[in-house]
Amino acid sequence: RAERGGLGRRPADTPYEYGARLRERLPDAAE
């Protein structure tokens, strides 16, 4: 769903790295 919304995971991202990027883009959903 994030990919469809333009927030896709980079191939080399670990789950923690991807989570950090999502938190930056969706601060209200960080938790």
PDB file of all heavy atoms in Angstrom:
ATOM      1  N   ARG A   1       0.832  -1.205   0.000  1.00  0.00           N
ATOM      2  CA  ARG A   1       0.000   0.000   0.000  1.00  0.00           C
ATOM      3  C   ARG A   1       0.868   1.257   0.000  1.00  0.00           C
ATOM      4  O   ARG A   1       0.572   2.230  -0.687  1.00  0.00           O
ATOM      5  CB  ARG A   1      -0.945  -0.013   1.203  1.00  0.00           C
ATOM      6  CG  ARG A   1      -1.969   1.107   1.133  1.00  0.00           C
ATOM      7  CD  ARG A   1      -2.997   0.971   2.221  1.00  0.00           C
ATOM      8  NE  ARG A   1      -3.808  -0.214   2.050  1.00  0.00           N
ATOM      9  CZ  ARG A   1      -5.000  -0.226   1.449  1.00  0.00           C
ATOM     10  NH1 ARG A   1      -5.503   0.869   0.972  1.00  0.00           N
ATOM     11  NH2 ARG A   1      -5.684  -1.344   1.355  1.00  0.00           N
ATOM     12  N   ALA A   2       1.951   1.231   0.765  1.00  0.00           N
ATOM     13  CA  ALA A   2       2.863   2.375   0.799  1.00  0.00           C
ATOM     14  C   ALA A   2       3.494   2.601  -0.574  1.00  0.00           C
ATOM     15  O   ALA A   2       3.630   3.743  -1.025  1.00  0.00           O
ATOM     16  CB  ALA A   2       3.933   2.164   1.866  1.00  0.00           C
ATOM     17  N   GLU A   3       3.856   1.519  -1.234  1.00  0.00           N
ATOM     18  CA  GLU A   3       4.433   1.613  -2.585  1.00  0.00           C
ATOM     19  C   GLU A   3       3.461   2.304  -3.534  1.00  0.00           C
ATOM     20  O   GLU A   3       3.841   3.194  -4.291  1.00  0.00           O
ATOM     21  CB  GLU A   3       4.768   0.209  -3.100  1.00  0.00           C
ATOM     22  CG  GLU A   3       5.227   0.165  -4.542  1.00  0.00           C
ATOM     23  CD  GLU A   3       6.636   0.671  -4.739  1.00  0.00           C
ATOM     24  OE1 GLU A   3       7.462   0.502  -3.837  1.00  0.00           O
ATOM     25  OE2 GLU A   3       6.904   1.263  -5.808  1.00  0.00           O
ATOM     26  N   ARG A   4       2.188   1.896  -3.484  1.00  0.00           N
ATOM     27  CA  ARG A   4       1.173   2.523  -4.346  1.00  0.00           C
ATOM     28  C   ARG A   4       1.020   4.008  -4.032  1.00  0.00           C
ATOM     29  O   ARG A   4       0.648   4.782  -4.904  1.00  0.00           O
ATOM     30  CB  ARG A   4      -0.162   1.810  -4.201  1.00  0.00           C
ATOM     31  CG  ARG A   4      -0.183   0.444  -4.848  1.00  0.00           C
ATOM     32  CD  ARG A   4      -1.594  -0.109  -4.987  1.00  0.00           C
ATOM     33  NE  ARG A   4      -2.338  -0.181  -3.753  1.00  0.00           N
ATOM     34  CZ  ARG A   4      -2.393  -1.239  -2.947  1.00  0.00           C
ATOM     35  NH1 ARG A   4      -1.744  -2.343  -3.258  1.00  0.00           N
ATOM     36  NH2 ARG A   4      -3.111  -1.219  -1.853  1.00  0.00           N
ATOM     37  N   GLY A   5       1.309   4.389  -2.792  1.00  0.00           N
ATOM     38  CA  GLY A   5       1.191   5.792  -2.397  1.00  0.00           C
ATOM     39  C   GLY A   5       2.473   6.585  -2.552  1.00  0.00           C
ATOM     40  O   GLY A   5       2.584   7.699  -2.047  1.00  0.00           O
ATOM     41  N   GLY A   6       3.464   6.013  -3.225  1.00  0.00           N
ATOM     42  CA  GLY A   6       4.706   6.743  -3.459  1.00  0.00           C
ATOM     43  C   GLY A   6       5.707   6.663  -2.316  1.00  0.00           C
ATOM     44  O   GLY A   6       6.662   7.430  -2.281  1.00  0.00           O
ATOM     45  N   LEU A   7       5.495   5.748  -1.388  1.00  0.00           N
ATOM     46  CA  LEU A   7       6.390   5.603  -0.241  1.00  0.00           C
ATOM     47  C   LEU A   7       7.044   4.219  -0.238  1.00  0.00           C
ATOM     48  O   LEU A   7       7.134   3.564   0.784  1.00  0.00           O
ATOM     49  CB  LEU A   7       5.616   5.808   1.067  1.00  0.00           C
ATOM     50  CG  LEU A   7       4.937   7.150   1.248  1.00  0.00           C
ATOM     51  CD1 LEU A   7       4.081   7.160   2.505  1.00  0.00           C
ATOM     52  CD2 LEU A   7       5.967   8.255   1.299  1.00  0.00           C
ATOM     53  N   GLY A   8       7.491   3.814  -1.400  1.00  0.00           N
ATOM     54  CA  GLY A   8       8.048   2.472  -1.538  1.00  0.00           C
ATOM     55  C   GLY A   8       9.361   2.266  -0.808  1.00  0.00           C
ATOM     56  O   GLY A   8      10.082   3.216  -0.494  1.00  0.00           O
ATOM     57  N   ARG A   9       9.646   1.022  -0.569  1.00  0.00           N
ATOM     58  CA  ARG A   9      10.881   0.602   0.091  1.00  0.00           C
ATOM     59  C   ARG A   9      11.974   0.496  -0.954  1.00  0.00           C
ATOM     60  O   ARG A   9      11.754  -0.029  -2.044  1.00  0.00           O
ATOM     61  CB  ARG A   9      10.636  -0.760   0.754  1.00  0.00           C
ATOM     62  CG  ARG A   9      11.796  -1.326   1.480  1.00  0.00           C
ATOM     63  CD  ARG A   9      11.398  -2.698   2.090  1.00  0.00           C
ATOM     64  NE  ARG A   9      12.570  -3.408   2.513  1.00  0.00           N
ATOM     65  CZ  ARG A   9      13.267  -4.250   1.757  1.00  0.00           C
ATOM     66  NH1 ARG A   9      12.877  -4.505   0.528  1.00  0.00           N
ATOM     67  NH2 ARG A   9      14.335  -4.841   2.223  1.00  0.00           N
ATOM     68  N   ARG A  10      13.162   0.990  -0.632  1.00  0.00           N
ATOM     69  CA  ARG A  10      14.320   0.816  -1.509  1.00  0.00           C
ATOM     70  C   ARG A  10      14.813  -0.617  -1.364  1.00  0.00           C
ATOM     71  O   ARG A  10      14.749  -1.186  -0.274  1.00  0.00           O
ATOM     72  CB  ARG A  10      15.421   1.788  -1.113  1.00  0.00           C
ATOM     73  CG  ARG A  10      15.031   3.230  -1.278  1.00  0.00           C
ATOM     74  CD  ARG A  10      16.156   4.121  -0.795  1.00  0.00           C
ATOM     75  NE  ARG A  10      15.670   5.479  -0.648  1.00  0.00           N
ATOM     76  CZ  ARG A  10      16.043   6.316   0.304  1.00  0.00           C
ATOM     77  NH1 ARG A  10      16.918   5.932   1.212  1.00  0.00           N
ATOM     78  NH2 ARG A  10      15.559   7.522   0.352  1.00  0.00           N
ATOM     79  N   PRO A  11      15.349  -1.204  -2.424  1.00  0.00           N
ATOM     80  CA  PRO A  11      15.774  -2.612  -2.350  1.00  0.00           C
ATOM     81  C   PRO A  11      16.756  -2.917  -1.210  1.00  0.00           C
ATOM     82  O   PRO A  11      16.690  -3.994  -0.629  1.00  0.00           O
ATOM     83  CB  PRO A  11      16.428  -2.861  -3.716  1.00  0.00           C
ATOM     84  CG  PRO A  11      15.767  -1.877  -4.619  1.00  0.00           C
ATOM     85  CD  PRO A  11      15.498  -0.662  -3.773  1.00  0.00           C
ATOM     86  N   ALA A  12      17.635  -2.010  -0.881  1.00  0.00           N
ATOM     87  CA  ALA A  12      18.638  -2.281   0.161  1.00  0.00           C
ATOM     88  C   ALA A  12      18.182  -1.881   1.564  1.00  0.00           C
ATOM     89  O   ALA A  12      18.902  -2.103   2.527  1.00  0.00           O
ATOM     90  CB  ALA A  12      19.946  -1.564  -0.171  1.00  0.00           C
ATOM     91  N   ASP A  13      16.982  -1.312   1.683  1.00  0.00           N
ATOM     92  CA  ASP A  13      16.495  -0.881   3.006  1.00  0.00           C
ATOM     93  C   ASP A  13      16.266  -2.064   3.930  1.00  0.00           C
ATOM     94  O   ASP A  13      15.615  -3.045   3.546  1.00  0.00           O
ATOM     95  CB  ASP A  13      15.151  -0.151   2.885  1.00  0.00           C
ATOM     96  CG  ASP A  13      15.283   1.300   2.500  1.00  0.00           C
ATOM     97  OD1 ASP A  13      16.402   1.833   2.503  1.00  0.00           O
ATOM     98  OD2 ASP A  13      14.230   1.904   2.202  1.00  0.00           O
ATOM     99  N   THR A  14      16.757  -1.949   5.138  1.00  0.00           N
ATOM    100  CA  THR A  14      16.367  -2.895   6.182  1.00  0.00           C
ATOM    101  C   THR A  14      14.997  -2.459   6.688  1.00  0.00           C
ATOM    102  O   THR A  14      14.569  -1.324   6.442  1.00  0.00           O
ATOM    103  CB  THR A  14      17.363  -2.869   7.353  1.00  0.00           C
ATOM    104  OG1 THR A  14      17.247  -1.608   8.026  1.00  0.00           O
ATOM    105  CG2 THR A  14      18.797  -3.114   6.892  1.00  0.00           C
ATOM    106  N   PRO A  15      14.295  -3.328   7.407  1.00  0.00           N
ATOM    107  CA  PRO A  15      13.017  -2.887   7.979  1.00  0.00           C
ATOM    108  C   PRO A  15      13.167  -1.632   8.857  1.00  0.00           C
ATOM    109  O   PRO A  15      12.305  -0.756   8.835  1.00  0.00           O
ATOM    110  CB  PRO A  15      12.554  -4.098   8.779  1.00  0.00           C
ATOM    111  CG  PRO A  15      13.124  -5.253   8.030  1.00  0.00           C
ATOM    112  CD  PRO A  15      14.493  -4.773   7.599  1.00  0.00           C
ATOM    113  N   TYR A  16      14.267  -1.542   9.608  1.00  0.00           N
ATOM    114  CA  TYR A  16      14.471  -0.347  10.444  1.00  0.00           C
ATOM    115  C   TYR A  16      14.692   0.905   9.592  1.00  0.00           C
ATOM    116  O   TYR A  16      14.160   1.972   9.902  1.00  0.00           O
ATOM    117  CB  TYR A  16      15.653  -0.537  11.383  1.00  0.00           C
ATOM    118  CG  TYR A  16      15.376  -1.441  12.560  1.00  0.00           C
ATOM    119  CD1 TYR A  16      16.210  -2.506  12.844  1.00  0.00           C
ATOM    120  CD2 TYR A  16      14.284  -1.230  13.393  1.00  0.00           C
ATOM    121  CE1 TYR A  16      15.976  -3.341  13.923  1.00  0.00           C
ATOM    122  CE2 TYR A  16      14.022  -2.062  14.469  1.00  0.00           C
ATOM    123  CZ  TYR A  16      14.885  -3.112  14.735  1.00  0.00           C
ATOM    124  OH  TYR A  16      14.639  -3.930  15.798  1.00  0.00           O
ATOM    125  N   GLU A  17      15.467   0.789   8.525  1.00  0.00           N
ATOM    126  CA  GLU A  17      15.706   1.950   7.657  1.00  0.00           C
ATOM    127  C   GLU A  17      14.421   2.390   6.973  1.00  0.00           C
ATOM    128  O   GLU A  17      14.116   3.583   6.905  1.00  0.00           O
ATOM    129  CB  GLU A  17      16.773   1.610   6.614  1.00  0.00           C
ATOM    130  CG  GLU A  17      18.158   1.440   7.195  1.00  0.00           C
ATOM    131  CD  GLU A  17      19.147   0.814   6.235  1.00  0.00           C
ATOM    132  OE1 GLU A  17      18.734   0.080   5.299  1.00  0.00           O
ATOM    133  OE2 GLU A  17      20.348   1.035   6.438  1.00  0.00           O
ATOM    134  N   TYR A  18      13.674   1.414   6.493  1.00  0.00           N
ATOM    135  CA  TYR A  18      12.412   1.748   5.843  1.00  0.00           C
ATOM    136  C   TYR A  18      11.433   2.354   6.849  1.00  0.00           C
ATOM    137  O   TYR A  18      10.759   3.341   6.558  1.00  0.00           O
ATOM    138  CB  TYR A  18      11.809   0.513   5.175  1.00  0.00           C
ATOM    139  CG  TYR A  18      10.530   0.813   4.458  1.00  0.00           C
ATOM    140  CD1 TYR A  18      10.503   1.742   3.422  1.00  0.00           C
ATOM    141  CD2 TYR A  18       9.345   0.193   4.809  1.00  0.00           C
ATOM    142  CE1 TYR A  18       9.320   2.038   2.759  1.00  0.00           C
ATOM    143  CE2 TYR A  18       8.165   0.475   4.145  1.00  0.00           C
ATOM    144  CZ  TYR A  18       8.165   1.397   3.130  1.00  0.00           C
ATOM    145  OH  TYR A  18       6.997   1.701   2.473  1.00  0.00           O
ATOM    146  N   GLY A  19      11.386   1.786   8.046  1.00  0.00           N
ATOM    147  CA  GLY A  19      10.519   2.331   9.083  1.00  0.00           C
ATOM    148  C   GLY A  19      10.867   3.776   9.398  1.00  0.00           C
ATOM    149  O   GLY A  19       9.973   4.617   9.577  1.00  0.00           O
ATOM    150  N   ALA A  20      12.153   4.098   9.446  1.00  0.00           N
ATOM    151  CA  ALA A  20      12.577   5.477   9.722  1.00  0.00           C
ATOM    152  C   ALA A  20      12.097   6.418   8.621  1.00  0.00           C
ATOM    153  O   ALA A  20      11.630   7.530   8.904  1.00  0.00           O
ATOM    154  CB  ALA A  20      14.097   5.546   9.859  1.00  0.00           C
ATOM    155  N   ARG A  21      12.172   5.977   7.370  1.00  0.00           N
ATOM    156  CA  ARG A  21      11.688   6.814   6.268  1.00  0.00           C
ATOM    157  C   ARG A  21      10.182   7.003   6.339  1.00  0.00           C
ATOM    158  O   ARG A  21       9.674   8.101   6.117  1.00  0.00           O
ATOM    159  CB  ARG A  21      12.097   6.210   4.923  1.00  0.00           C
ATOM    160  CG  ARG A  21      13.564   6.445   4.624  1.00  0.00           C
ATOM    161  CD  ARG A  21      13.999   6.332   3.173  1.00  0.00           C
ATOM    162  NE  ARG A  21      12.976   6.207   2.189  1.00  0.00           N
ATOM    163  CZ  ARG A  21      12.607   5.049   1.606  1.00  0.00           C
ATOM    164  NH1 ARG A  21      13.187   3.923   1.926  1.00  0.00           N
ATOM    165  NH2 ARG A  21      11.669   5.028   0.691  1.00  0.00           N
ATOM    166  N   LEU A  22       9.459   5.921   6.667  1.00  0.00           N
ATOM    167  CA  LEU A  22       8.002   6.052   6.799  1.00  0.00           C
ATOM    168  C   LEU A  22       7.631   6.997   7.940  1.00  0.00           C
ATOM    169  O   LEU A  22       6.705   7.797   7.811  1.00  0.00           O
ATOM    170  CB  LEU A  22       7.349   4.686   7.034  1.00  0.00           C
ATOM    171  CG  LEU A  22       7.007   3.847   5.829  1.00  0.00           C
ATOM    172  CD1 LEU A  22       6.299   2.567   6.260  1.00  0.00           C
ATOM    173  CD2 LEU A  22       6.157   4.608   4.834  1.00  0.00           C
ATOM    174  N   ARG A  23       8.344   6.897   9.056  1.00  0.00           N
ATOM    175  CA  ARG A  23       8.059   7.794  10.190  1.00  0.00           C
ATOM    176  C   ARG A  23       8.270   9.248   9.801  1.00  0.00           C
ATOM    177  O   ARG A  23       7.512  10.122  10.222  1.00  0.00           O
ATOM    178  CB  ARG A  23       8.941   7.445  11.389  1.00  0.00           C
ATOM    179  CG  ARG A  23       8.509   6.205  12.121  1.00  0.00           C
ATOM    180  CD  ARG A  23       9.207   6.044  13.470  1.00  0.00           C
ATOM    181  NE  ARG A  23      10.647   6.263  13.419  1.00  0.00           N
ATOM    182  CZ  ARG A  23      11.553   5.317  13.149  1.00  0.00           C
ATOM    183  NH1 ARG A  23      11.170   4.078  12.907  1.00  0.00           N
ATOM    184  NH2 ARG A  23      12.834   5.599  13.132  1.00  0.00           N
ATOM    185  N   GLU A  24       9.297   9.522   9.004  1.00  0.00           N
ATOM    186  CA  GLU A  24       9.540  10.893   8.540  1.00  0.00           C
ATOM    187  C   GLU A  24       8.398  11.392   7.663  1.00  0.00           C
ATOM    188  O   GLU A  24       7.994  12.547   7.772  1.00  0.00           O
ATOM    189  CB  GLU A  24      10.848  10.967   7.745  1.00  0.00           C
ATOM    190  CG  GLU A  24      12.090  10.840   8.576  1.00  0.00           C
ATOM    191  CD  GLU A  24      13.341  10.786   7.715  1.00  0.00           C
ATOM    192  OE1 GLU A  24      13.278  11.081   6.504  1.00  0.00           O
ATOM    193  OE2 GLU A  24      14.405  10.447   8.274  1.00  0.00           O
ATOM    194  N   ARG A  25       7.907  10.527   6.795  1.00  0.00           N
ATOM    195  CA  ARG A  25       6.849  10.922   5.861  1.00  0.00           C
ATOM    196  C   ARG A  25       5.455  10.883   6.485  1.00  0.00           C
ATOM    197  O   ARG A  25       4.554  11.566   6.020  1.00  0.00           O
ATOM    198  CB  ARG A  25       6.871  10.008   4.634  1.00  0.00           C
ATOM    199  CG  ARG A  25       8.175  10.030   3.839  1.00  0.00           C
ATOM    200  CD  ARG A  25       8.402  11.284   3.019  1.00  0.00           C
ATOM    201  NE  ARG A  25       7.415  11.527   2.007  1.00  0.00           N
ATOM    202  CZ  ARG A  25       7.427  11.015   0.781  1.00  0.00           C
ATOM    203  NH1 ARG A  25       8.388  10.210   0.411  1.00  0.00           N
ATOM    204  NH2 ARG A  25       6.471  11.318  -0.064  1.00  0.00           N
ATOM    205  N   LEU A  26       5.293  10.060   7.536  1.00  0.00           N
ATOM    206  CA  LEU A  26       3.995   9.914   8.202  1.00  0.00           C
ATOM    207  C   LEU A  26       4.178  10.088   9.712  1.00  0.00           C
ATOM    208  O   LEU A  26       3.968   9.153  10.485  1.00  0.00           O
ATOM    209  CB  LEU A  26       3.407   8.525   7.916  1.00  0.00           C
ATOM    210  CG  LEU A  26       3.239   8.103   6.463  1.00  0.00           C
ATOM    211  CD1 LEU A  26       2.881   6.635   6.364  1.00  0.00           C
ATOM    212  CD2 LEU A  26       2.195   8.971   5.779  1.00  0.00           C
ATOM    213  N   PRO A  27       4.577  11.275  10.155  1.00  0.00           N
ATOM    214  CA  PRO A  27       4.892  11.443  11.577  1.00  0.00           C
ATOM    215  C   PRO A  27       3.731  11.122  12.511  1.00  0.00           C
ATOM    216  O   PRO A  27       3.945  10.641  13.627  1.00  0.00           O
ATOM    217  CB  PRO A  27       5.326  12.903  11.688  1.00  0.00           C
ATOM    218  CG  PRO A  27       4.891  13.563  10.435  1.00  0.00           C
ATOM    219  CD  PRO A  27       4.738  12.502   9.392  1.00  0.00           C
ATOM    220  N   ASP A  28       2.498  11.329  12.058  1.00  0.00           N
ATOM    221  CA  ASP A  28       1.354  11.029  12.909  1.00  0.00           C
ATOM    222  C   ASP A  28       1.118   9.518  13.043  1.00  0.00           C
ATOM    223  O   ASP A  28       0.341   9.086  13.890  1.00  0.00           O
ATOM    224  CB  ASP A  28       0.090  11.715  12.379  1.00  0.00           C
ATOM    225  CG  ASP A  28      -0.252  11.325  10.955  1.00  0.00           C
ATOM    226  OD1 ASP A  28       0.686  11.135  10.156  1.00  0.00           O
ATOM    227  OD2 ASP A  28      -1.447  11.219  10.635  1.00  0.00           O
ATOM    228  N   ALA A  29       1.800   8.721  12.234  1.00  0.00           N
ATOM    229  CA  ALA A  29       1.661   7.263  12.292  1.00  0.00           C
ATOM    230  C   ALA A  29       2.938   6.589  12.796  1.00  0.00           C
ATOM    231  O   ALA A  29       3.071   5.370  12.687  1.00  0.00           O
ATOM    232  CB  ALA A  29       1.298   6.729  10.909  1.00  0.00           C
ATOM    233  N   ALA A  30       3.859   7.359  13.359  1.00  0.00           N
ATOM    234  CA  ALA A  30       5.169   6.831  13.756  1.00  0.00           C
ATOM    235  C   ALA A  30       5.060   5.653  14.723  1.00  0.00           C
ATOM    236  O   ALA A  30       5.764   4.647  14.571  1.00  0.00           O
ATOM    237  CB  ALA A  30       6.026   7.935  14.364  1.00  0.00           C
ATOM    238  N   GLU A  31       4.188   5.749  15.702  1.00  0.00           N
ATOM    239  CA  GLU A  31       4.058   4.662  16.680  1.00  0.00           C
ATOM    240  C   GLU A  31       3.578   3.377  16.011  1.00  0.00           C
ATOM    241  O   GLU A  31       4.088   2.289  16.298  1.00  0.00           O
ATOM    242  CB  GLU A  31       3.109   5.056  17.805  1.00  0.00           C
ATOM    243  CG  GLU A  31       3.027   4.011  18.893  1.00  0.00           C
ATOM    244  CD  GLU A  31       2.139   4.431  20.050  1.00  0.00           C
ATOM    245  OE1 GLU A  31       1.978   5.639  20.292  1.00  0.00           O
ATOM    246  OE2 GLU A  31       1.604   3.525  20.712  1.00  0.00           O
TER     247      GLU A  31
END
